[in-house]
PDB file of N, CA and C in Angstrom:
ATOM      1  N   UNK A   1     -38.100 -51.360-186.855  1.00  0.00           N
ATOM      2  CA  UNK A   1     -38.611 -52.427-187.711  1.00  0.00           C
ATOM      3  C   UNK A   1     -40.059 -52.155-188.094  1.00  0.00           C
ATOM      4  N   UNK A   2     -40.860 -51.743-187.129  1.00  0.00           N
ATOM      5  CA  UNK A   2     -42.268 -51.480-187.442  1.00  0.00           C
ATOM      6  C   UNK A   2     -42.384 -50.373-188.482  1.00  0.00           C
ATOM      7  N   UNK A   3     -41.544 -49.328-188.351  1.00  0.00           N
ATOM      8  CA  UNK A   3     -41.616 -48.211-189.306  1.00  0.00           C
ATOM      9  C   UNK A   3     -41.269 -48.710-190.707  1.00  0.00           C
ATOM     10  N   UNK A   4     -40.254 -49.568-190.808  1.00  0.00           N
ATOM     11  CA  UNK A   4     -39.879 -50.099-192.119  1.00  0.00           C
ATOM     12  C   UNK A   4     -41.017 -50.931-192.694  1.00  0.00           C
ATOM     13  N   UNK A   5     -41.632 -51.771-191.865  1.00  0.00           N
ATOM     14  CA  UNK A   5     -42.732 -52.621-192.355  1.00  0.00           C
ATOM     15  C   UNK A   5     -43.905 -51.758-192.806  1.00  0.00           C
ATOM     16  N   UNK A   6     -44.217 -50.710-192.039  1.00  0.00           N
ATOM     17  CA  UNK A   6     -45.325 -49.819-192.428  1.00  0.00           C
ATOM     18  C   UNK A   6     -44.978 -49.111-193.734  1.00  0.00           C
ATOM     19  N   UNK A   7     -43.720 -48.673-193.861  1.00  0.00           N
ATOM     20  CA  UNK A   7     -43.296 -47.992-195.091  1.00  0.00           C
ATOM     21  C   UNK A   7     -43.432 -48.911-196.295  1.00  0.00           C
ATOM     22  N   UNK A   8     -42.951 -50.158-196.143  1.00  0.00           N
ATOM     23  CA  UNK A   8     -43.063 -51.108-197.253  1.00  0.00           C
ATOM     24  C   UNK A   8     -44.527 -51.365-197.588  1.00  0.00           C
ATOM     25  N   UNK A   9     -45.369 -51.441-196.575  1.00  0.00           N
ATOM     26  CA  UNK A   9     -46.797 -51.668-196.814  1.00  0.00           C
ATOM     27  C   UNK A   9     -47.412 -50.519-197.590  1.00  0.00           C
ATOM     28  N   UNK A  10     -47.049 -49.287-197.202  1.00  0.00           N
ATOM     29  CA  UNK A  10     -47.598 -48.119-197.904  1.00  0.00           C
ATOM     30  C   UNK A  10     -47.106 -48.092-199.350  1.00  0.00           C
ATOM     31  N   UNK A  11     -45.830 -48.412-199.557  1.00  0.00           N
ATOM     32  CA  UNK A  11     -45.291 -48.439-200.925  1.00  0.00           C
ATOM     33  C   UNK A  11     -46.015 -49.495-201.753  1.00  0.00           C
ATOM     34  N   UNK A  12     -46.276 -50.660-201.145  1.00  0.00           N
ATOM     35  CA  UNK A  12     -46.981 -51.725-201.860  1.00  0.00           C
ATOM     36  C   UNK A  12     -48.389 -51.291-202.241  1.00  0.00           C
ATOM     37  N   UNK A  13     -49.092 -50.666-201.294  1.00  0.00           N
ATOM     38  CA  UNK A  13     -50.450 -50.187-201.586  1.00  0.00           C
ATOM     39  C   UNK A  13     -50.411 -49.129-202.677  1.00  0.00           C
ATOM     40  N   UNK A  14     -49.396 -48.226-202.622  1.00  0.00           N
ATOM     41  CA  UNK A  14     -49.293 -47.164-203.627  1.00  0.00           C
ATOM     42  C   UNK A  14     -49.074 -47.765-205.009  1.00  0.00           C
ATOM     43  N   UNK A  15     -48.188 -48.786-205.096  1.00  0.00           N
ATOM     44  CA  UNK A  15     -47.919 -49.423-206.389  1.00  0.00           C
ATOM     45  C   UNK A  15     -49.182 -50.088-206.923  1.00  0.00           C
ATOM     46  N   UNK A  16     -49.914 -50.791-206.050  1.00  0.00           N
ATOM     47  CA  UNK A  16     -51.164 -51.448-206.482  1.00  0.00           C
ATOM     48  C   UNK A  16     -52.152 -50.400-206.970  1.00  0.00           C
ATOM     49  N   UNK A  17     -52.239 -49.253-206.254  1.00  0.00           N
ATOM     50  CA  UNK A  17     -53.169 -48.191-206.640  1.00  0.00           C
ATOM     51  C   UNK A  17     -52.781 -47.611-207.994  1.00  0.00           C
ATOM     52  N   UNK A  18     -51.466 -47.412-208.238  1.00  0.00           N
ATOM     53  CA  UNK A  18     -51.010 -46.879-209.519  1.00  0.00           C
ATOM     54  C   UNK A  18     -51.378 -47.846-210.648  1.00  0.00           C
ATOM     55  N   UNK A  19     -51.139 -49.140-210.439  1.00  0.00           N
ATOM     56  CA  UNK A  19     -51.469 -50.134-211.474  1.00  0.00           C
ATOM     57  C   UNK A  19     -52.971 -50.131-211.731  1.00  0.00           C
ATOM     58  N   UNK A  20     -53.764 -50.050-210.640  1.00  0.00           N
ATOM     59  CA  UNK A  20     -55.222 -50.032-210.787  1.00  0.00           C
ATOM     60  C   UNK A  20     -55.658 -48.814-211.587  1.00  0.00           C
ATOM     61  N   UNK A  21     -55.064 -47.641-211.304  1.00  0.00           N
ATOM     62  CA  UNK A  21     -55.426 -46.413-212.017  1.00  0.00           C
ATOM     63  C   UNK A  21     -55.067 -46.536-213.494  1.00  0.00           C
ATOM     64  N   UNK A  22     -53.910 -47.158-213.784  1.00  0.00           N
ATOM     65  CA  UNK A  22     -53.485 -47.307-215.184  1.00  0.00           C
ATOM     66  C   UNK A  22     -54.495 -48.161-215.947  1.00  0.00           C
ATOM     67  N   UNK A  23     -54.865 -49.316-215.375  1.00  0.00           N
ATOM     68  CA  UNK A  23     -55.837 -50.186-216.042  1.00  0.00           C
ATOM     69  C   UNK A  23     -57.179 -49.481-216.190  1.00  0.00           C
ATOM     70  N   UNK A  24     -57.594 -48.721-215.154  1.00  0.00           N
ATOM     71  CA  UNK A  24     -58.868 -48.010-215.205  1.00  0.00           C
ATOM     72  C   UNK A  24     -58.832 -46.954-216.306  1.00  0.00           C
ATOM     73  N   UNK A  25     -57.695 -46.243-216.421  1.00  0.00           N
ATOM     74  CA  UNK A  25     -57.569 -45.209-217.444  1.00  0.00           C
ATOM     75  C   UNK A  25     -57.561 -45.844-218.836  1.00  0.00           C
ATOM     76  N   UNK A  26     -56.908 -47.005-218.984  1.00  0.00           N
ATOM     77  CA  UNK A  26     -56.869 -47.667-220.286  1.00  0.00           C
ATOM     78  C   UNK A  26     -58.287 -48.027-220.729  1.00  0.00           C
ATOM     79  N   UNK A  27     -59.076 -48.629-219.846  1.00  0.00           N
ATOM     80  CA  UNK A  27     -60.444 -49.010-220.192  1.00  0.00           C
ATOM     81  C   UNK A  27     -61.279 -47.764-220.452  1.00  0.00           C
ATOM     82  N   UNK A  28     -61.074 -46.704-219.647  1.00  0.00           N
ATOM     83  CA  UNK A  28     -61.855 -45.475-219.811  1.00  0.00           C
ATOM     84  C   UNK A  28     -61.485 -44.801-221.131  1.00  0.00           C
ATOM     85  N   UNK A  29     -60.180 -44.801-221.486  1.00  0.00           N
ATOM     86  CA  UNK A  29     -59.746 -44.160-222.723  1.00  0.00           C
ATOM     87  C   UNK A  29     -60.326 -44.897-223.932  1.00  0.00           C
ATOM     88  N   UNK A  30     -60.334 -46.228-223.921  1.00  0.00           N
ATOM     89  CA  UNK A  30     -60.870 -46.987-225.043  1.00  0.00           C
ATOM     90  C   UNK A  30     -62.357 -46.673-225.209  1.00  0.00           C
ATOM     91  N   UNK A  31     -63.087 -46.577-224.094  1.00  0.00           N
ATOM     92  CA  UNK A  31     -64.515 -46.272-224.174  1.00  0.00           C
ATOM     93  C   UNK A  31     -64.728 -44.832-224.634  1.00  0.00           C
ATOM     94  N   UNK A  32     -63.919 -43.891-224.102  1.00  0.00           N
ATOM     95  CA  UNK A  32     -64.090 -42.481-224.453  1.00  0.00           C
ATOM     96  C   UNK A  32     -63.742 -42.267-225.928  1.00  0.00           C
ATOM     97  N   UNK A  33     -62.735 -43.004-226.431  1.00  0.00           N
ATOM     98  CA  UNK A  33     -62.375 -42.860-227.837  1.00  0.00           C
ATOM     99  C   UNK A  33     -63.549 -43.280-228.721  1.00  0.00           C
ATOM    100  N   UNK A  34     -64.194 -44.403-228.377  1.00  0.00           N
ATOM    101  CA  UNK A  34     -65.326 -44.859-229.174  1.00  0.00           C
ATOM    102  C   UNK A  34     -66.464 -43.847-229.102  1.00  0.00           C
ATOM    103  N   UNK A  35     -66.774 -43.362-227.903  1.00  0.00           N
ATOM    104  CA  UNK A  35     -67.870 -42.408-227.742  1.00  0.00           C
ATOM    105  C   UNK A  35     -67.509 -41.092-228.411  1.00  0.00           C
ATOM    106  N   UNK A  36     -66.232 -40.686-228.328  1.00  0.00           N
ATOM    107  CA  UNK A  36     -65.808 -39.414-228.926  1.00  0.00           C
ATOM    108  C   UNK A  36     -65.958 -39.494-230.446  1.00  0.00           C
ATOM    109  N   UNK A  37     -65.537 -40.614-231.049  1.00  0.00           N
ATOM    110  CA  UNK A  37     -65.651 -40.753-232.495  1.00  0.00           C
ATOM    111  C   UNK A  37     -67.132 -40.746-232.888  1.00  0.00           C
ATOM    112  N   UNK A  38     -67.965 -41.403-232.097  1.00  0.00           N
ATOM    113  CA  UNK A  38     -69.402 -41.428-232.393  1.00  0.00           C
ATOM    114  C   UNK A  38     -69.993 -40.044-232.292  1.00  0.00           C
ATOM    115  N   UNK A  39     -69.642 -39.294-231.233  1.00  0.00           N
ATOM    116  CA  UNK A  39     -70.203 -37.955-231.056  1.00  0.00           C
ATOM    117  C   UNK A  39     -69.697 -37.037-232.165  1.00  0.00           C
ATOM    118  N   UNK A  40     -68.410 -37.179-232.550  1.00  0.00           N
ATOM    119  CA  UNK A  40     -67.864 -36.316-233.601  1.00  0.00           C
ATOM    120  C   UNK A  40     -68.592 -36.605-234.918  1.00  0.00           C
ATOM    121  N   UNK A  41     -68.906 -37.884-235.176  1.00  0.00           N
ATOM    122  CA  UNK A  41     -69.640 -38.229-236.386  1.00  0.00           C
ATOM    123  C   UNK A  41     -71.029 -37.600-236.347  1.00  0.00           C
ATOM    124  N   UNK A  42     -71.656 -37.622-235.174  1.00  0.00           N
ATOM    125  CA  UNK A  42     -72.982 -37.017-235.049  1.00  0.00           C
ATOM    126  C   UNK A  42     -72.902 -35.519-235.327  1.00  0.00           C
ATOM    127  N   UNK A  43     -71.832 -34.862-234.830  1.00  0.00           N
ATOM    128  CA  UNK A  43     -71.700 -33.426-235.048  1.00  0.00           C
ATOM    129  C   UNK A  43     -71.426 -33.138-236.525  1.00  0.00           C
ATOM    130  N   UNK A  44     -70.614 -34.006-237.160  1.00  0.00           N
ATOM    131  CA  UNK A  44     -70.298 -33.789-238.573  1.00  0.00           C
ATOM    132  C   UNK A  44     -71.539 -34.017-239.433  1.00  0.00           C
ATOM    133  N   UNK A  45     -72.331 -35.015-239.050  1.00  0.00           N
ATOM    134  CA  UNK A  45     -73.552 -35.305-239.806  1.00  0.00           C
ATOM    135  C   UNK A  45     -74.760 -35.170-238.883  1.00  0.00           C
ATOM    136  N   UNK A  46     -75.255 -33.986-238.678  1.00  0.00           N
ATOM    137  CA  UNK A  46     -76.402 -33.786-237.761  1.00  0.00           C
ATOM    138  C   UNK A  46     -77.677 -34.408-238.300  1.00  0.00           C
TER     139      UNK A  46
END
């Protein structure tokens, strides 16, 4: 029983970590896209 409970706990933590990484990547991608477009504009028009 303890092994099953520990396994379920690890799976729960892993799922929470995956969701957290997805949200973090979404926010990072939106920011990087804005900065990338700005930097590309700077390179196109020095």
